Amino acid sequence: MHNKFATAAVALGLVTLPLAGTATALSPTTAVSPLADASAERAIAQSSTSTALNACDGPSCLGLNPTETASITDGYPCAADAYTPSNQYGPAQIRNSQGLVRLMYSPRCHANWAQISEAHPGQQFWAQNKFNETAQYIVPSGYTSAYTGMIDGYVSARAGIGDRWTNWY
């Protein structure tokens, strides 16, 4: 059975997002497409700012697609400068038999999101900040990598899968 929809929770409720083809703009969130592989991430970093559909900073990034959104201050794509933060506990990532989840952070957009790899279709994962804003996503049929929408990155955040999660970063 082909899964055509994924569910994302943001701030005050659940929003069902279509996955057909490219990401579809929805108000106030944007659907996020699965990553085919690591080369897709590198392509994001090399893309021009003219392809960004939205602009945001911190709280205004809630639910937006990190690959289709740019910094409101300089137009630089949010995903292009993103990295997995580290602290005394190590990198912000968690692995279990269902996949590897990383917390991503964009310093230009002041936003976080979760990214999963080595996953199975149907696997749910999430990012949450200390304002209790949450973005979750379900890996669609035919994919092993995906990412959530963004949450405010001005406060600490964490990412999780199943009953496991990272420390706050």
C-alpha atoms as a PDB file:
ATOM      1  CA  MET A   1       0.000   0.000   0.000  1.00  0.00           C
ATOM      2  CA  HIS A   2       1.468   3.363  -0.998  1.00  0.00           C
ATOM      3  CA  ASN A   3       1.410   5.951   1.776  1.00  0.00           C
ATOM      4  CA  LYS A   4       0.353   9.301   0.270  1.00  0.00           C
ATOM      5  CA  PHE A   5       0.102  11.281   3.482  1.00  0.00           C
ATOM      6  CA  ALA A   6       2.232  11.985   6.540  1.00  0.00           C
ATOM      7  CA  THR A   7       1.253  13.676   9.744  1.00  0.00           C
ATOM      8  CA  ALA A   8       3.129  16.600  11.269  1.00  0.00           C
ATOM      9  CA  ALA A   9       2.355  18.040  14.682  1.00  0.00           C
ATOM     10  CA  VAL A  10       3.092  21.688  15.124  1.00  0.00           C
ATOM     11  CA  ALA A  11       2.493  24.001  18.055  1.00  0.00           C
ATOM     12  CA  LEU A  12      -1.247  23.657  18.624  1.00  0.00           C
ATOM     13  CA  GLY A  13      -2.311  20.583  16.709  1.00  0.00           C
ATOM     14  CA  LEU A  14      -1.917  18.077  13.950  1.00  0.00           C
ATOM     15  CA  VAL A  15      -1.773  18.983  10.279  1.00  0.00           C
ATOM     16  CA  THR A  16      -1.928  16.351   7.529  1.00  0.00           C
ATOM     17  CA  LEU A  17       0.500  17.115   4.737  1.00  0.00           C
ATOM     18  CA  PRO A  18       0.419  15.645   1.195  1.00  0.00           C
ATOM     19  CA  LEU A  19       3.558  13.965  -0.112  1.00  0.00           C
ATOM     20  CA  ALA A  20       2.804  13.790  -3.819  1.00  0.00           C
ATOM     21  CA  GLY A  21       5.759  15.059  -5.847  1.00  0.00           C
ATOM     22  CA  THR A  22       7.412  18.205  -4.559  1.00  0.00           C
ATOM     23  CA  ALA A  23       6.520  19.974  -1.350  1.00  0.00           C
ATOM     24  CA  THR A  24       3.211  21.804  -1.390  1.00  0.00           C
ATOM     25  CA  ALA A  25       2.833  25.152   0.334  1.00  0.00           C
ATOM     26  CA  LEU A  26       0.228  25.028   3.099  1.00  0.00           C
ATOM     27  CA  SER A  27      -0.657  27.743   5.519  1.00  0.00           C
ATOM     28  CA  PRO A  28       0.821  28.062   8.111  1.00  0.00           C
ATOM     29  CA  THR A  29       3.079  25.054   7.450  1.00  0.00           C
ATOM     30  CA  THR A  30       4.831  23.621   4.424  1.00  0.00           C
ATOM     31  CA  ALA A  31       4.951  19.944   3.552  1.00  0.00           C
ATOM     32  CA  VAL A  32       8.395  18.432   3.837  1.00  0.00           C
ATOM     33  CA  SER A  33       9.665  15.921   1.315  1.00  0.00           C
ATOM     34  CA  PRO A  34      11.807  12.920   2.224  1.00  0.00           C
ATOM     35  CA  LEU A  35      15.505  13.067   1.453  1.00  0.00           C
ATOM     36  CA  ALA A  36      16.530  10.539  -1.170  1.00  0.00           C
ATOM     37  CA  ASP A  37      20.112  10.334   0.129  1.00  0.00           C
ATOM     38  CA  ALA A  38      23.019  12.366   1.488  1.00  0.00           C
ATOM     39  CA  SER A  39      23.675  13.880  -1.942  1.00  0.00           C
ATOM     40  CA  ALA A  40      20.345  15.676  -1.637  1.00  0.00           C
ATOM     41  CA  GLU A  41      21.672  17.429   1.462  1.00  0.00           C
ATOM     42  CA  ARG A  42      24.776  18.552  -0.395  1.00  0.00           C
ATOM     43  CA  ALA A  43      22.595  19.862  -3.220  1.00  0.00           C
ATOM     44  CA  ILE A  44      20.686  21.954  -0.688  1.00  0.00           C
ATOM     45  CA  ALA A  45      23.891  23.642   0.409  1.00  0.00           C
ATOM     46  CA  GLN A  46      24.787  24.458  -3.189  1.00  0.00           C
ATOM     47  CA  SER A  47      21.375  25.820  -4.200  1.00  0.00           C
ATOM     48  CA  SER A  48      20.888  29.509  -4.825  1.00  0.00           C
ATOM     49  CA  THR A  49      18.784  31.656  -2.539  1.00  0.00           C
ATOM     50  CA  SER A  50      16.462  32.461  -5.425  1.00  0.00           C
ATOM     51  CA  THR A  51      14.836  29.021  -5.054  1.00  0.00           C
ATOM     52  CA  ALA A  52      13.677  29.707  -1.484  1.00  0.00           C
ATOM     53  CA  LEU A  53       9.901  30.062  -1.282  1.00  0.00           C
ATOM     54  CA  ASN A  54       9.658  31.387   2.289  1.00  0.00           C
ATOM     55  CA  ALA A  55      11.761  33.479   4.660  1.00  0.00           C
ATOM     56  CA  CYS A  56      11.823  33.140   8.436  1.00  0.00           C
ATOM     57  CA  ASP A  57      13.706  33.655  11.682  1.00  0.00           C
ATOM     58  CA  GLY A  58      13.190  31.634  14.879  1.00  0.00           C
ATOM     59  CA  PRO A  59       9.478  31.598  15.788  1.00  0.00           C
ATOM     60  CA  SER A  60       8.341  32.426  12.252  1.00  0.00           C
ATOM     61  CA  CYS A  61      10.006  29.211  10.983  1.00  0.00           C
ATOM     62  CA  LEU A  62       7.466  26.992  12.769  1.00  0.00           C
ATOM     63  CA  GLY A  63       6.373  24.207  10.430  1.00  0.00           C
ATOM     64  CA  LEU A  64       8.260  25.488   7.376  1.00  0.00           C
ATOM     65  CA  ASN A  65      10.329  23.231   5.133  1.00  0.00           C
ATOM     66  CA  PRO A  66      14.060  23.797   5.835  1.00  0.00           C
ATOM     67  CA  THR A  67      14.990  23.084   2.202  1.00  0.00           C
ATOM     68  CA  GLU A  68      12.551  25.655   0.814  1.00  0.00           C
ATOM     69  CA  THR A  69      13.029  28.437   3.363  1.00  0.00           C
ATOM     70  CA  ALA A  70      15.689  31.122   3.707  1.00  0.00           C
ATOM     71  CA  SER A  71      16.876  33.406   6.478  1.00  0.00           C
ATOM     72  CA  ILE A  72      14.750  36.524   6.709  1.00  0.00           C
ATOM     73  CA  THR A  73      17.885  38.589   7.431  1.00  0.00           C
ATOM     74  CA  ASP A  74      20.134  37.575   4.519  1.00  0.00           C
ATOM     75  CA  GLY A  75      18.190  35.222   2.202  1.00  0.00           C
ATOM     76  CA  TYR A  76      20.596  32.329   2.851  1.00  0.00           C
ATOM     77  CA  PRO A  77      18.826  28.905   2.734  1.00  0.00           C
ATOM     78  CA  CYS A  78      18.111  27.484   6.201  1.00  0.00           C
ATOM     79  CA  ALA A  79      19.290  23.974   5.303  1.00  0.00           C
ATOM     80  CA  ALA A  80      22.546  25.214   3.740  1.00  0.00           C
ATOM     81  CA  ASP A  81      24.221  26.166   7.038  1.00  0.00           C
ATOM     82  CA  ALA A  82      22.555  23.504   9.183  1.00  0.00           C
ATOM     83  CA  TYR A  83      24.544  21.190  11.410  1.00  0.00           C
ATOM     84  CA  THR A  84      24.022  18.670  14.210  1.00  0.00           C
ATOM     85  CA  PRO A  85      24.912  20.405  17.485  1.00  0.00           C
ATOM     86  CA  SER A  86      27.101  18.760  20.124  1.00  0.00           C
ATOM     87  CA  ASN A  87      27.605  19.253  23.848  1.00  0.00           C
ATOM     88  CA  GLN A  88      29.293  17.364  26.697  1.00  0.00           C
ATOM     89  CA  TYR A  89      27.030  14.361  25.935  1.00  0.00           C
ATOM     90  CA  GLY A  90      28.086  14.189  22.285  1.00  0.00           C
ATOM     91  CA  PRO A  91      26.225  14.989  19.071  1.00  0.00           C
ATOM     92  CA  ALA A  92      22.456  15.560  19.092  1.00  0.00           C
ATOM     93  CA  GLN A  93      21.545  12.209  17.574  1.00  0.00           C
ATOM     94  CA  ILE A  94      19.837   9.031  18.680  1.00  0.00           C
ATOM     95  CA  ARG A  95      19.892   5.600  17.068  1.00  0.00           C
ATOM     96  CA  ASN A  96      17.704   2.578  17.545  1.00  0.00           C
ATOM     97  CA  SER A  97      16.663  -0.342  15.348  1.00  0.00           C
ATOM     98  CA  GLN A  98      14.200   1.955  13.560  1.00  0.00           C
ATOM     99  CA  GLY A  99      16.714   4.533  12.346  1.00  0.00           C
ATOM    100  CA  LEU A 100      19.164   7.328  13.132  1.00  0.00           C
ATOM    101  CA  VAL A 101      17.619  10.675  14.104  1.00  0.00           C
ATOM    102  CA  ARG A 102      19.647  13.888  14.217  1.00  0.00           C
ATOM    103  CA  LEU A 103      18.637  17.267  15.551  1.00  0.00           C
ATOM    104  CA  MET A 104      19.547  19.892  12.961  1.00  0.00           C
ATOM    105  CA  TYR A 105      20.167  23.588  13.681  1.00  0.00           C
ATOM    106  CA  SER A 106      20.416  26.534  11.284  1.00  0.00           C
ATOM    107  CA  PRO A 107      22.273  29.480  12.855  1.00  0.00           C
ATOM    108  CA  ARG A 108      21.120  31.884  10.140  1.00  0.00           C
ATOM    109  CA  CYS A 109      17.439  30.964  10.509  1.00  0.00           C
ATOM    110  CA  HIS A 110      17.621  30.236  14.255  1.00  0.00           C
ATOM    111  CA  ALA A 111      15.602  27.065  13.664  1.00  0.00           C
ATOM    112  CA  ASN A 112      15.769  23.353  14.500  1.00  0.00           C
ATOM    113  CA  TRP A 113      14.313  20.255  12.860  1.00  0.00           C
ATOM    114  CA  ALA A 114      14.810  16.504  13.020  1.00  0.00           C
ATOM    115  CA  GLN A 115      16.277  14.424  10.214  1.00  0.00           C
ATOM    116  CA  ILE A 116      16.094  10.631  10.002  1.00  0.00           C
ATOM    117  CA  SER A 117      18.163   8.169   7.978  1.00  0.00           C
ATOM    118  CA  GLU A 118      18.429   4.369   7.822  1.00  0.00           C
ATOM    119  CA  ALA A 119      14.699   4.286   8.629  1.00  0.00           C
ATOM    120  CA  HIS A 120      11.788   2.103   7.645  1.00  0.00           C
ATOM    121  CA  PRO A 121       8.624   3.486   6.037  1.00  0.00           C
ATOM    122  CA  GLY A 122       6.012   4.312   8.668  1.00  0.00           C
ATOM    123  CA  GLN A 123       8.576   5.301  11.303  1.00  0.00           C
ATOM    124  CA  GLN A 124       7.585   8.416  13.245  1.00  0.00           C
ATOM    125  CA  PHE A 125      10.220  10.855  14.538  1.00  0.00           C
ATOM    126  CA  TRP A 126      10.137  14.377  15.966  1.00  0.00           C
ATOM    127  CA  ALA A 127      11.836  17.575  17.117  1.00  0.00           C
ATOM    128  CA  GLN A 128      10.717  19.552  20.170  1.00  0.00           C
ATOM    129  CA  ASN A 129      11.893  22.776  21.799  1.00  0.00           C
ATOM    130  CA  LYS A 130      11.567  24.055  25.363  1.00  0.00           C
ATOM    131  CA  PHE A 131       8.535  26.136  24.299  1.00  0.00           C
ATOM    132  CA  ASN A 132       6.950  22.701  23.668  1.00  0.00           C
ATOM    133  CA  GLU A 133       6.696  23.371  19.942  1.00  0.00           C
ATOM    134  CA  THR A 134       6.844  19.999  18.230  1.00  0.00           C
ATOM    135  CA  ALA A 135       7.290  18.944  14.617  1.00  0.00           C
ATOM    136  CA  GLN A 136       6.872  15.269  13.837  1.00  0.00           C
ATOM    137  CA  TYR A 137       6.885  13.313  10.620  1.00  0.00           C
ATOM    138  CA  ILE A 138       6.278   9.769   9.406  1.00  0.00           C
ATOM    139  CA  VAL A 139       8.704   8.274   6.895  1.00  0.00           C
ATOM    140  CA  PRO A 140       6.634   7.652   3.745  1.00  0.00           C
ATOM    141  CA  SER A 141       6.486   4.425   1.772  1.00  0.00           C
ATOM    142  CA  GLY A 142       9.517   3.939  -0.462  1.00  0.00           C
ATOM    143  CA  TYR A 143      11.865   6.179   1.573  1.00  0.00           C
ATOM    144  CA  THR A 144      14.514   5.626   4.256  1.00  0.00           C
ATOM    145  CA  SER A 145      15.352   9.301   4.943  1.00  0.00           C
ATOM    146  CA  ALA A 146      13.167  12.296   5.758  1.00  0.00           C
ATOM    147  CA  TYR A 147      12.985  15.451   7.884  1.00  0.00           C
ATOM    148  CA  THR A 148      10.398  17.369   9.882  1.00  0.00           C
ATOM    149  CA  GLY A 149       9.298  20.949   9.521  1.00  0.00           C
ATOM    150  CA  MET A 150      11.202  23.540  11.548  1.00  0.00           C
ATOM    151  CA  ILE A 151      10.674  24.786  15.108  1.00  0.00           C
ATOM    152  CA  ASP A 152      11.981  27.889  16.882  1.00  0.00           C
ATOM    153  CA  GLY A 153      15.715  27.484  17.479  1.00  0.00           C
ATOM    154  CA  TYR A 154      16.206  30.419  19.857  1.00  0.00           C
ATOM    155  CA  VAL A 155      15.564  27.955  22.727  1.00  0.00           C
ATOM    156  CA  SER A 156      16.988  24.510  23.463  1.00  0.00           C
ATOM    157  CA  ALA A 157      15.640  21.610  21.428  1.00  0.00           C
ATOM    158  CA  ARG A 158      15.843  17.839  21.189  1.00  0.00           C
ATOM    159  CA  ALA A 159      14.943  15.124  18.672  1.00  0.00           C
ATOM    160  CA  GLY A 160      13.531  11.657  19.148  1.00  0.00           C
ATOM    161  CA  ILE A 161      12.305   8.397  17.719  1.00  0.00           C
ATOM    162  CA  GLY A 162       9.982   5.982  19.479  1.00  0.00           C
ATOM    163  CA  ASP A 163      10.652   6.076  23.208  1.00  0.00           C
ATOM    164  CA  ARG A 164      14.202   7.505  22.828  1.00  0.00           C
ATOM    165  CA  TRP A 165      15.354  11.113  22.487  1.00  0.00           C
ATOM    166  CA  THR A 166      18.478  13.228  22.574  1.00  0.00           C
ATOM    167  CA  ASN A 167      19.488  15.514  25.393  1.00  0.00           C
ATOM    168  CA  TRP A 168      18.534  19.201  25.098  1.00  0.00           C
ATOM    169  CA  TYR A 169      20.848  21.195  22.825  1.00  0.00           C
END
